[in-house]
């Protein structure tokens, strides 16, 4: 086996170059993973900021069913994966329920 391994090592052209290329590929992979994490984090911040805004609008009573539907529709279009992942439709329902109660009571 040792003779075969040495023969394979001798057959590898420019092992230093292959090592350097492998290192560059590994570093690029790490960069991509970091960028992916940063992008996910930014998307989460956008969703949280959106929910804070809607929550603040619902407190003084300025939120309407139309504006709520439009806002969550935009959020669903822009961040479809996050919308499904975080079950934002359920949060939309929690904001809409008091508005429906108000509409049906009047």
PDB file of N, CA and C in Angstrom:
ATOM      1  N   UNK A   1       0.815  -1.204   0.000  1.00  0.00           N
ATOM      2  CA  UNK A   1       0.000   0.000   0.000  1.00  0.00           C
ATOM      3  C   UNK A   1       0.854   1.261   0.000  1.00  0.00           C
ATOM      4  N   UNK A   2       1.924   1.262   0.746  1.00  0.00           N
ATOM      5  CA  UNK A   2       2.767   2.449   0.805  1.00  0.00           C
ATOM      6  C   UNK A   2       3.334   2.793  -0.559  1.00  0.00           C
ATOM      7  N   UNK A   3       3.710   1.800  -1.304  1.00  0.00           N
ATOM      8  CA  UNK A   3       4.256   2.042  -2.632  1.00  0.00           C
ATOM      9  C   UNK A   3       3.183   2.647  -3.535  1.00  0.00           C
ATOM     10  N   UNK A   4       1.947   2.142  -3.410  1.00  0.00           N
ATOM     11  CA  UNK A   4       0.854   2.690  -4.217  1.00  0.00           C
ATOM     12  C   UNK A   4       0.545   4.128  -3.828  1.00  0.00           C
ATOM     13  N   UNK A   5       0.538   4.416  -2.530  1.00  0.00           N
ATOM     14  CA  UNK A   5       0.267   5.782  -2.069  1.00  0.00           C
ATOM     15  C   UNK A   5       1.344   6.738  -2.540  1.00  0.00           C
ATOM     16  N   UNK A   6       2.601   6.306  -2.463  1.00  0.00           N
ATOM     17  CA  UNK A   6       3.700   7.162  -2.928  1.00  0.00           C
ATOM     18  C   UNK A   6       3.594   7.392  -4.427  1.00  0.00           C
ATOM     19  N   UNK A   7       3.192   6.366  -5.142  1.00  0.00           N
ATOM     20  CA  UNK A   7       3.028   6.504  -6.590  1.00  0.00           C
ATOM     21  C   UNK A   7       1.912   7.493  -6.895  1.00  0.00           C
ATOM     22  N   UNK A   8       0.822   7.420  -6.118  1.00  0.00           N
ATOM     23  CA  UNK A   8      -0.279   8.374  -6.315  1.00  0.00           C
ATOM     24  C   UNK A   8       0.169   9.788  -5.994  1.00  0.00           C
ATOM     25  N   UNK A   9       0.931   9.941  -4.912  1.00  0.00           N
ATOM     26  CA  UNK A   9       1.424  11.267  -4.541  1.00  0.00           C
ATOM     27  C   UNK A   9       2.331  11.824  -5.625  1.00  0.00           C
ATOM     28  N   UNK A  10       3.132  10.966  -6.223  1.00  0.00           N
ATOM     29  CA  UNK A  10       4.033  11.417  -7.287  1.00  0.00           C
ATOM     30  C   UNK A  10       3.266  11.733  -8.562  1.00  0.00           C
ATOM     31  N   UNK A  11       2.113  11.092  -8.749  1.00  0.00           N
ATOM     32  CA  UNK A  11       1.305  11.346  -9.939  1.00  0.00           C
ATOM     33  C   UNK A  11       0.551  12.666  -9.852  1.00  0.00           C
ATOM     34  N   UNK A  12       0.378  13.201  -8.652  1.00  0.00           N
ATOM     35  CA  UNK A  12      -0.378  14.443  -8.484  1.00  0.00           C
ATOM     36  C   UNK A  12       0.472  15.607  -8.973  1.00  0.00           C
ATOM     37  N   UNK A  13       0.019  16.272 -10.017  1.00  0.00           N
ATOM     38  CA  UNK A  13       0.798  17.412 -10.504  1.00  0.00           C
ATOM     39  C   UNK A  13       0.588  18.622  -9.591  1.00  0.00           C
ATOM     40  N   UNK A  14       1.656  19.270  -9.257  1.00  0.00           N
ATOM     41  CA  UNK A  14       1.662  20.510  -8.472  1.00  0.00           C
ATOM     42  C   UNK A  14       0.806  20.406  -7.209  1.00  0.00           C
ATOM     43  N   UNK A  15       1.195  19.634  -6.237  1.00  0.00           N
ATOM     44  CA  UNK A  15       0.383  19.479  -5.030  1.00  0.00           C
ATOM     45  C   UNK A  15       0.203  20.795  -4.272  1.00  0.00           C
ATOM     46  N   UNK A  16       1.212  21.675  -4.331  1.00  0.00           N
ATOM     47  CA  UNK A  16       1.078  22.966  -3.649  1.00  0.00           C
ATOM     48  C   UNK A  16      -0.038  23.794  -4.272  1.00  0.00           C
ATOM     49  N   UNK A  17      -0.112  23.753  -5.594  1.00  0.00           N
ATOM     50  CA  UNK A  17      -1.161  24.489  -6.294  1.00  0.00           C
ATOM     51  C   UNK A  17      -2.534  23.923  -5.932  1.00  0.00           C
ATOM     52  N   UNK A  18      -2.644  22.620  -5.894  1.00  0.00           N
ATOM     53  CA  UNK A  18      -3.917  22.006  -5.527  1.00  0.00           C
ATOM     54  C   UNK A  18      -4.305  22.369  -4.101  1.00  0.00           C
ATOM     55  N   UNK A  19      -3.328  22.384  -3.211  1.00  0.00           N
ATOM     56  CA  UNK A  19      -3.598  22.775  -1.826  1.00  0.00           C
ATOM     57  C   UNK A  19      -4.097  24.215  -1.769  1.00  0.00           C
ATOM     58  N   UNK A  20      -3.419  25.100  -2.496  1.00  0.00           N
ATOM     59  CA  UNK A  20      -3.812  26.515  -2.490  1.00  0.00           C
ATOM     60  C   UNK A  20      -5.201  26.719  -3.089  1.00  0.00           C
ATOM     61  N   UNK A  21      -5.493  26.005  -4.151  1.00  0.00           N
ATOM     62  CA  UNK A  21      -6.817  26.117  -4.769  1.00  0.00           C
ATOM     63  C   UNK A  21      -7.884  25.604  -3.807  1.00  0.00           C
ATOM     64  N   UNK A  22      -7.612  24.481  -3.150  1.00  0.00           N
ATOM     65  CA  UNK A  22      -8.551  23.940  -2.169  1.00  0.00           C
ATOM     66  C   UNK A  22      -8.776  24.930  -1.029  1.00  0.00           C
ATOM     67  N   UNK A  23      -7.698  25.585  -0.600  1.00  0.00           N
ATOM     68  CA  UNK A  23      -7.800  26.582   0.462  1.00  0.00           C
ATOM     69  C   UNK A  23      -8.655  27.767   0.019  1.00  0.00           C
ATOM     70  N   UNK A  24      -8.455  28.225  -1.203  1.00  0.00           N
ATOM     71  CA  UNK A  24      -9.244  29.342  -1.733  1.00  0.00           C
ATOM     72  C   UNK A  24     -10.721  28.951  -1.823  1.00  0.00           C
ATOM     73  N   UNK A  25     -10.990  27.743  -2.276  1.00  0.00           N
ATOM     74  CA  UNK A  25     -12.376  27.273  -2.376  1.00  0.00           C
ATOM     75  C   UNK A  25     -13.014  27.205  -0.994  1.00  0.00           C
ATOM     76  N   UNK A  26     -12.275  26.699  -0.014  1.00  0.00           N
ATOM     77  CA  UNK A  26     -12.806  26.621   1.353  1.00  0.00           C
ATOM     78  C   UNK A  26     -13.090  28.007   1.917  1.00  0.00           C
ATOM     79  N   UNK A  27     -12.196  28.956   1.663  1.00  0.00           N
ATOM     80  CA  UNK A  27     -12.411  30.326   2.144  1.00  0.00           C
ATOM     81  C   UNK A  27     -13.613  30.971   1.457  1.00  0.00           C
ATOM     82  N   UNK A  28     -13.763  30.717   0.162  1.00  0.00           N
ATOM     83  CA  UNK A  28     -14.915  31.257  -0.561  1.00  0.00           C
ATOM     84  C   UNK A  28     -16.209  30.656  -0.018  1.00  0.00           C
ATOM     85  N   UNK A  29     -16.172  29.376   0.321  1.00  0.00           N
ATOM     86  CA  UNK A  29     -17.347  28.720   0.900  1.00  0.00           C
ATOM     87  C   UNK A  29     -17.706  29.351   2.242  1.00  0.00           C
ATOM     88  N   UNK A  30     -16.711  29.629   3.062  1.00  0.00           N
ATOM     89  CA  UNK A  30     -16.963  30.289   4.345  1.00  0.00           C
ATOM     90  C   UNK A  30     -17.547  31.685   4.144  1.00  0.00           C
ATOM     91  N   UNK A  31     -17.034  32.404   3.143  1.00  0.00           N
ATOM     92  CA  UNK A  31     -17.576  33.736   2.843  1.00  0.00           C
ATOM     93  C   UNK A  31     -19.041  33.648   2.439  1.00  0.00           C
ATOM     94  N   UNK A  32     -19.369  32.659   1.616  1.00  0.00           N
ATOM     95  CA  UNK A  32     -20.761  32.482   1.191  1.00  0.00           C
ATOM     96  C   UNK A  32     -21.663  32.149   2.372  1.00  0.00           C
ATOM     97  N   UNK A  33     -21.180  31.319   3.276  1.00  0.00           N
ATOM     98  CA  UNK A  33     -21.972  30.983   4.454  1.00  0.00           C
ATOM     99  C   UNK A  33     -22.215  32.215   5.317  1.00  0.00           C
ATOM    100  N   UNK A  34     -21.183  33.058   5.462  1.00  0.00           N
ATOM    101  CA  UNK A  34     -21.335  34.284   6.255  1.00  0.00           C
ATOM    102  C   UNK A  34     -22.324  35.233   5.589  1.00  0.00           C
ATOM    103  N   UNK A  35     -22.218  35.384   4.273  1.00  0.00           N
ATOM    104  CA  UNK A  35     -23.155  36.248   3.555  1.00  0.00           C
ATOM    105  C   UNK A  35     -24.584  35.733   3.684  1.00  0.00           C
ATOM    106  N   UNK A  36     -24.762  34.422   3.618  1.00  0.00           N
ATOM    107  CA  UNK A  36     -26.091  33.833   3.776  1.00  0.00           C
ATOM    108  C   UNK A  36     -26.645  34.110   5.168  1.00  0.00           C
ATOM    109  N   UNK A  37     -25.802  33.959   6.190  1.00  0.00           N
ATOM    110  CA  UNK A  37     -26.238  34.258   7.566  1.00  0.00           C
ATOM    111  C   UNK A  37     -26.612  35.722   7.706  1.00  0.00           C
ATOM    112  N   UNK A  38     -25.779  36.602   7.135  1.00  0.00           N
ATOM    113  CA  UNK A  38     -26.060  38.038   7.216  1.00  0.00           C
ATOM    114  C   UNK A  38     -27.363  38.384   6.508  1.00  0.00           C
ATOM    115  N   UNK A  39     -27.600  37.781   5.351  1.00  0.00           N
ATOM    116  CA  UNK A  39     -28.830  38.038   4.602  1.00  0.00           C
ATOM    117  C   UNK A  39     -30.049  37.561   5.382  1.00  0.00           C
ATOM    118  N   UNK A  40     -29.956  36.368   5.970  1.00  0.00           N
ATOM    119  CA  UNK A  40     -31.071  35.872   6.778  1.00  0.00           C
ATOM    120  C   UNK A  40     -31.333  36.773   7.972  1.00  0.00           C
ATOM    121  N   UNK A  41     -30.263  37.232   8.594  1.00  0.00           N
ATOM    122  CA  UNK A  41     -30.405  38.118   9.750  1.00  0.00           C
ATOM    123  C   UNK A  41     -31.067  39.435   9.347  1.00  0.00           C
ATOM    124  N   UNK A  42     -30.669  39.973   8.205  1.00  0.00           N
ATOM    125  CA  UNK A  42     -31.265  41.229   7.724  1.00  0.00           C
ATOM    126  C   UNK A  42     -32.745  41.029   7.408  1.00  0.00           C
ATOM    127  N   UNK A  43     -33.084  39.914   6.794  1.00  0.00           N
ATOM    128  CA  UNK A  43     -34.490  39.647   6.485  1.00  0.00           C
ATOM    129  C   UNK A  43     -35.311  39.514   7.758  1.00  0.00           C
ATOM    130  N   UNK A  44     -34.737  38.875   8.766  1.00  0.00           N
ATOM    131  CA  UNK A  44     -35.443  38.753  10.044  1.00  0.00           C
ATOM    132  C   UNK A  44     -35.654  40.123  10.677  1.00  0.00           C
ATOM    133  N   UNK A  45     -34.648  40.999  10.571  1.00  0.00           N
ATOM    134  CA  UNK A  45     -34.788  42.357  11.116  1.00  0.00           C
ATOM    135  C   UNK A  45     -35.902  43.119  10.405  1.00  0.00           C
ATOM    136  N   UNK A  46     -36.004  42.940   9.095  1.00  0.00           N
ATOM    137  CA  UNK A  46     -37.055  43.616   8.327  1.00  0.00           C
ATOM    138  C   UNK A  46     -38.429  43.128   8.779  1.00  0.00           C
ATOM    139  N   UNK A  47     -38.577  41.827   8.961  1.00  0.00           N
ATOM    140  CA  UNK A  47     -39.863  41.265   9.394  1.00  0.00           C
ATOM    141  C   UNK A  47     -40.223  41.769  10.784  1.00  0.00           C
ATOM    142  N   UNK A  48     -39.257  41.790  11.697  1.00  0.00           N
ATOM    143  CA  UNK A  48     -39.520  42.270  13.058  1.00  0.00           C
ATOM    144  C   UNK A  48     -39.894  43.746  13.036  1.00  0.00           C
ATOM    145  N   UNK A  49     -39.190  44.547  12.236  1.00  0.00           N
ATOM    146  CA  UNK A  49     -39.518  45.975  12.138  1.00  0.00           C
ATOM    147  C   UNK A  49     -40.922  46.162  11.574  1.00  0.00           C
ATOM    148  N   UNK A  50     -41.283  45.357  10.586  1.00  0.00           N
ATOM    149  CA  UNK A  50     -42.623  45.424  10.010  1.00  0.00           C
ATOM    150  C   UNK A  50     -43.677  45.111  11.066  1.00  0.00           C
ATOM    151  N   UNK A  51     -43.458  44.040  11.829  1.00  0.00           N
ATOM    152  CA  UNK A  51     -44.424  43.658  12.862  1.00  0.00           C
ATOM    153  C   UNK A  51     -44.520  44.723  13.948  1.00  0.00           C
ATOM    154  N   UNK A  52     -43.403  45.354  14.284  1.00  0.00           N
ATOM    155  CA  UNK A  52     -43.433  46.453  15.254  1.00  0.00           C
ATOM    156  C   UNK A  52     -44.270  47.615  14.729  1.00  0.00           C
ATOM    157  N   UNK A  53     -44.094  47.930  13.454  1.00  0.00           N
ATOM    158  CA  UNK A  53     -44.847  49.029  12.844  1.00  0.00           C
ATOM    159  C   UNK A  53     -46.345  48.732  12.857  1.00  0.00           C
ATOM    160  N   UNK A  54     -46.716  47.533  12.453  1.00  0.00           N
ATOM    161  CA  UNK A  54     -48.137  47.158  12.445  1.00  0.00           C
ATOM    162  C   UNK A  54     -48.686  47.160  13.870  1.00  0.00           C
ATOM    163  N   UNK A  55     -47.906  46.662  14.809  1.00  0.00           N
ATOM    164  CA  UNK A  55     -48.334  46.668  16.208  1.00  0.00           C
ATOM    165  C   UNK A  55     -48.545  48.072  16.736  1.00  0.00           C
ATOM    166  N   UNK A  56     -47.658  48.988  16.367  1.00  0.00           N
ATOM    167  CA  UNK A  56     -47.801  50.381  16.798  1.00  0.00           C
ATOM    168  C   UNK A  56     -49.015  51.046  16.160  1.00  0.00           C
ATOM    169  N   UNK A  57     -49.315  50.679  14.914  1.00  0.00           N
ATOM    170  CA  UNK A  57     -50.493  51.235  14.246  1.00  0.00           C
ATOM    171  C   UNK A  57     -51.782  50.706  14.869  1.00  0.00           C
ATOM    172  N   UNK A  58     -51.739  49.486  15.363  1.00  0.00           N
ATOM    173  CA  UNK A  58     -52.965  48.901  15.908  1.00  0.00           C
ATOM    174  C   UNK A  58     -53.314  49.470  17.279  1.00  0.00           C
ATOM    175  N   UNK A  59     -52.343  49.985  18.006  1.00  0.00           N
ATOM    176  CA  UNK A  59     -52.619  50.522  19.343  1.00  0.00           C
ATOM    177  C   UNK A  59     -53.524  51.748  19.318  1.00  0.00           C
ATOM    178  N   UNK A  60     -53.207  52.786  18.523  1.00  0.00           N
ATOM    179  CA  UNK A  60     -54.093  53.957  18.547  1.00  0.00           C
ATOM    180  C   UNK A  60     -55.349  53.789  17.703  1.00  0.00           C
ATOM    181  N   UNK A  61     -55.481  52.678  17.008  1.00  0.00           N
ATOM    182  CA  UNK A  61     -56.689  52.450  16.220  1.00  0.00           C
ATOM    183  C   UNK A  61     -56.606  52.972  14.802  1.00  0.00           C
ATOM    184  N   UNK A  62     -55.409  53.232  14.296  1.00  0.00           N
ATOM    185  CA  UNK A  62     -55.270  53.727  12.925  1.00  0.00           C
ATOM    186  C   UNK A  62     -55.165  52.599  11.906  1.00  0.00           C
ATOM    187  N   UNK A  63     -55.067  51.372  12.375  1.00  0.00           N
ATOM    188  CA  UNK A  63     -54.945  50.227  11.481  1.00  0.00           C
ATOM    189  C   UNK A  63     -56.323  49.850  10.937  1.00  0.00           C
ATOM    190  N   UNK A  64     -56.389  49.627   9.629  1.00  0.00           N
ATOM    191  CA  UNK A  64     -57.637  49.188   9.001  1.00  0.00           C
ATOM    192  C   UNK A  64     -57.414  47.823   8.356  1.00  0.00           C
ATOM    193  N   UNK A  65     -58.515  47.142   8.056  1.00  0.00           N
ATOM    194  CA  UNK A  65     -58.394  45.846   7.392  1.00  0.00           C
ATOM    195  C   UNK A  65     -57.711  45.978   6.036  1.00  0.00           C
ATOM    196  N   UNK A  66     -58.023  47.050   5.326  1.00  0.00           N
ATOM    197  CA  UNK A  66     -57.421  47.270   4.009  1.00  0.00           C
ATOM    198  C   UNK A  66     -55.920  47.465   4.120  1.00  0.00           C
ATOM    199  N   UNK A  67     -55.501  48.340   5.043  1.00  0.00           N
ATOM    200  CA  UNK A  67     -54.061  48.586   5.185  1.00  0.00           C
ATOM    201  C   UNK A  67     -53.341  47.344   5.706  1.00  0.00           C
ATOM    202  N   UNK A  68     -53.994  46.596   6.574  1.00  0.00           N
ATOM    203  CA  UNK A  68     -53.397  45.362   7.091  1.00  0.00           C
ATOM    204  C   UNK A  68     -53.215  44.340   5.969  1.00  0.00           C
ATOM    205  N   UNK A  69     -54.251  44.162   5.157  1.00  0.00           N
ATOM    206  CA  UNK A  69     -54.173  43.211   4.041  1.00  0.00           C
ATOM    207  C   UNK A  69     -53.100  43.626   3.047  1.00  0.00           C
ATOM    208  N   UNK A  70     -53.039  44.914   2.768  1.00  0.00           N
ATOM    209  CA  UNK A  70     -52.040  45.415   1.826  1.00  0.00           C
ATOM    210  C   UNK A  70     -50.626  45.215   2.382  1.00  0.00           C
ATOM    211  N   UNK A  71     -50.433  45.533   3.646  1.00  0.00           N
ATOM    212  CA  UNK A  71     -49.109  45.406   4.262  1.00  0.00           C
ATOM    213  C   UNK A  71     -48.641  43.954   4.297  1.00  0.00           C
ATOM    214  N   UNK A  72     -49.506  43.062   4.755  1.00  0.00           N
ATOM    215  CA  UNK A  72     -49.113  41.654   4.826  1.00  0.00           C
ATOM    216  C   UNK A  72     -49.001  41.042   3.431  1.00  0.00           C
ATOM    217  N   UNK A  73     -49.781  41.530   2.476  1.00  0.00           N
ATOM    218  CA  UNK A  73     -49.637  41.066   1.091  1.00  0.00           C
ATOM    219  C   UNK A  73     -48.282  41.435   0.525  1.00  0.00           C
ATOM    220  N   UNK A  74     -47.854  42.673   0.783  1.00  0.00           N
ATOM    221  CA  UNK A  74     -46.521  43.093   0.338  1.00  0.00           C
ATOM    222  C   UNK A  74     -45.436  42.257   1.006  1.00  0.00           C
ATOM    223  N   UNK A  75     -45.594  42.036   2.289  1.00  0.00           N
ATOM    224  CA  UNK A  75     -44.613  41.231   3.021  1.00  0.00           C
ATOM    225  C   UNK A  75     -44.559  39.809   2.461  1.00  0.00           C
ATOM    226  N   UNK A  76     -45.713  39.259   2.147  1.00  0.00           N
ATOM    227  CA  UNK A  76     -45.763  37.902   1.601  1.00  0.00           C
ATOM    228  C   UNK A  76     -45.084  37.828   0.236  1.00  0.00           C
ATOM    229  N   UNK A  77     -45.260  38.852  -0.591  1.00  0.00           N
ATOM    230  CA  UNK A  77     -44.623  38.861  -1.903  1.00  0.00           C
ATOM    231  C   UNK A  77     -43.110  39.031  -1.790  1.00  0.00           C
ATOM    232  N   UNK A  78     -42.665  39.936  -0.926  1.00  0.00           N
ATOM    233  CA  UNK A  78     -41.234  40.227  -0.830  1.00  0.00           C
ATOM    234  C   UNK A  78     -40.458  39.143  -0.088  1.00  0.00           C
ATOM    235  N   UNK A  79     -41.068  38.541   0.911  1.00  0.00           N
ATOM    236  CA  UNK A  79     -40.377  37.565   1.754  1.00  0.00           C
ATOM    237  C   UNK A  79     -41.222  36.296   1.882  1.00  0.00           C
ATOM    238  N   UNK A  80     -41.511  35.678   0.754  1.00  0.00           N
ATOM    239  CA  UNK A  80     -42.413  34.516   0.732  1.00  0.00           C
ATOM    240  C   UNK A  80     -41.905  33.377   1.618  1.00  0.00           C
ATOM    241  N   UNK A  81     -40.619  33.094   1.555  1.00  0.00           N
ATOM    242  CA  UNK A  81     -40.077  31.995   2.360  1.00  0.00           C
ATOM    243  C   UNK A  81     -40.201  32.287   3.849  1.00  0.00           C
ATOM    244  N   UNK A  82     -39.853  33.508   4.243  1.00  0.00           N
ATOM    245  CA  UNK A  82     -39.954  33.884   5.653  1.00  0.00           C
ATOM    246  C   UNK A  82     -41.411  33.911   6.103  1.00  0.00           C
ATOM    247  N   UNK A  83     -42.293  34.330   5.207  1.00  0.00           N
ATOM    248  CA  UNK A  83     -43.725  34.380   5.523  1.00  0.00           C
ATOM    249  C   UNK A  83     -44.226  32.992   5.914  1.00  0.00           C
ATOM    250  N   UNK A  84     -43.799  31.991   5.148  1.00  0.00           N
ATOM    251  CA  UNK A  84     -44.205  30.612   5.449  1.00  0.00           C
ATOM    252  C   UNK A  84     -43.464  30.079   6.674  1.00  0.00           C
ATOM    253  N   UNK A  85     -42.175  30.341   6.742  1.00  0.00           N
ATOM    254  CA  UNK A  85     -41.346  29.807   7.819  1.00  0.00           C
ATOM    255  C   UNK A  85     -41.806  30.278   9.188  1.00  0.00           C
ATOM    256  N   UNK A  86     -42.135  31.559   9.300  1.00  0.00           N
ATOM    257  CA  UNK A  86     -42.514  32.130  10.591  1.00  0.00           C
ATOM    258  C   UNK A  86     -44.026  32.156  10.814  1.00  0.00           C
ATOM    259  N   UNK A  87     -44.789  31.526   9.909  1.00  0.00           N
ATOM    260  CA  UNK A  87     -46.253  31.496  10.021  1.00  0.00           C
ATOM    261  C   UNK A  87     -46.823  32.901  10.224  1.00  0.00           C
ATOM    262  N   UNK A  88     -46.387  33.832   9.390  1.00  0.00           N
ATOM    263  CA  UNK A  88     -46.836  35.216   9.533  1.00  0.00           C
ATOM    264  C   UNK A  88     -48.316  35.373   9.231  1.00  0.00           C
ATOM    265  N   UNK A  89     -48.910  34.424   8.514  1.00  0.00           N
ATOM    266  CA  UNK A  89     -50.358  34.488   8.285  1.00  0.00           C
ATOM    267  C   UNK A  89     -51.094  34.419   9.620  1.00  0.00           C
ATOM    268  N   UNK A  90     -50.545  33.677  10.555  1.00  0.00           N
ATOM    269  CA  UNK A  90     -51.170  33.548  11.872  1.00  0.00           C
ATOM    270  C   UNK A  90     -51.096  34.882  12.624  1.00  0.00           C
ATOM    271  N   UNK A  91     -49.971  35.560  12.480  1.00  0.00           N
ATOM    272  CA  UNK A  91     -49.819  36.873  13.118  1.00  0.00           C
ATOM    273  C   UNK A  91     -50.763  37.872  12.458  1.00  0.00           C
ATOM    274  N   UNK A  92     -50.915  37.766  11.133  1.00  0.00           N
ATOM    275  CA  UNK A  92     -51.853  38.649  10.431  1.00  0.00           C
ATOM    276  C   UNK A  92     -53.265  38.445  10.967  1.00  0.00           C
ATOM    277  N   UNK A  93     -53.621  37.201  11.218  1.00  0.00           N
ATOM    278  CA  UNK A  93     -54.954  36.914  11.771  1.00  0.00           C
ATOM    279  C   UNK A  93     -55.127  37.529  13.152  1.00  0.00           C
ATOM    280  N   UNK A  94     -54.069  37.507  13.952  1.00  0.00           N
ATOM    281  CA  UNK A  94     -54.181  38.075  15.301  1.00  0.00           C
ATOM    282  C   UNK A  94     -54.375  39.589  15.251  1.00  0.00           C
ATOM    283  N   UNK A  95     -53.824  40.238  14.220  1.00  0.00           N
ATOM    284  CA  UNK A  95     -54.068  41.672  14.052  1.00  0.00           C
ATOM    285  C   UNK A  95     -55.450  41.927  13.454  1.00  0.00           C
ATOM    286  N   UNK A  96     -55.913  41.016  12.595  1.00  0.00           N
ATOM    287  CA  UNK A  96     -57.185  41.221  11.900  1.00  0.00           C
ATOM    288  C   UNK A  96     -58.398  40.927  12.771  1.00  0.00           C
ATOM    289  N   UNK A  97     -58.273  40.011  13.694  1.00  0.00           N
ATOM    290  CA  UNK A  97     -59.422  39.597  14.506  1.00  0.00           C
ATOM    291  C   UNK A  97     -60.093  40.772  15.221  1.00  0.00           C
ATOM    292  N   UNK A  98     -59.369  41.633  15.940  1.00  0.00           N
ATOM    293  CA  UNK A  98     -60.042  42.765  16.590  1.00  0.00           C
ATOM    294  C   UNK A  98     -60.689  43.723  15.588  1.00  0.00           C
ATOM    295  N   UNK A  99     -60.078  43.831  14.397  1.00  0.00           N
ATOM    296  CA  UNK A  99     -60.659  44.703  13.374  1.00  0.00           C
ATOM    297  C   UNK A  99     -61.974  44.121  12.862  1.00  0.00           C
ATOM    298  N   UNK A 100     -62.025  42.803  12.680  1.00  0.00           N
ATOM    299  CA  UNK A 100     -63.276  42.161  12.267  1.00  0.00           C
ATOM    300  C   UNK A 100     -64.353  42.320  13.337  1.00  0.00           C
ATOM    301  N   UNK A 101     -63.981  42.177  14.585  1.00  0.00           N
ATOM    302  CA  UNK A 101     -64.944  42.337  15.679  1.00  0.00           C
ATOM    303  C   UNK A 101     -65.532  43.739  15.640  1.00  0.00           C
ATOM    304  N   UNK A 102     -64.687  44.736  15.439  1.00  0.00           N
ATOM    305  CA  UNK A 102     -65.153  46.126  15.372  1.00  0.00           C
ATOM    306  C   UNK A 102     -66.090  46.329  14.190  1.00  0.00           C
ATOM    307  N   UNK A 103     -65.736  45.762  13.038  1.00  0.00           N
ATOM    308  CA  UNK A 103     -66.566  45.911  11.839  1.00  0.00           C
ATOM    309  C   UNK A 103     -67.927  45.255  12.053  1.00  0.00           C
ATOM    310  N   UNK A 104     -67.959  44.064  12.620  1.00  0.00           N
ATOM    311  CA  UNK A 104     -69.223  43.360  12.795  1.00  0.00           C
ATOM    312  C   UNK A 104     -70.079  43.947  13.911  1.00  0.00           C
ATOM    313  N   UNK A 105     -69.461  44.622  14.857  1.00  0.00           N
ATOM    314  CA  UNK A 105     -70.232  45.248  15.931  1.00  0.00           C
ATOM    315  C   UNK A 105     -70.899  46.538  15.472  1.00  0.00           C
ATOM    316  N   UNK A 106     -70.337  47.172  14.444  1.00  0.00           N
ATOM    317  CA  UNK A 106     -70.955  48.422  13.993  1.00  0.00           C
ATOM    318  C   UNK A 106     -71.964  48.219  12.904  1.00  0.00           C
TER     319      UNK A 106
END
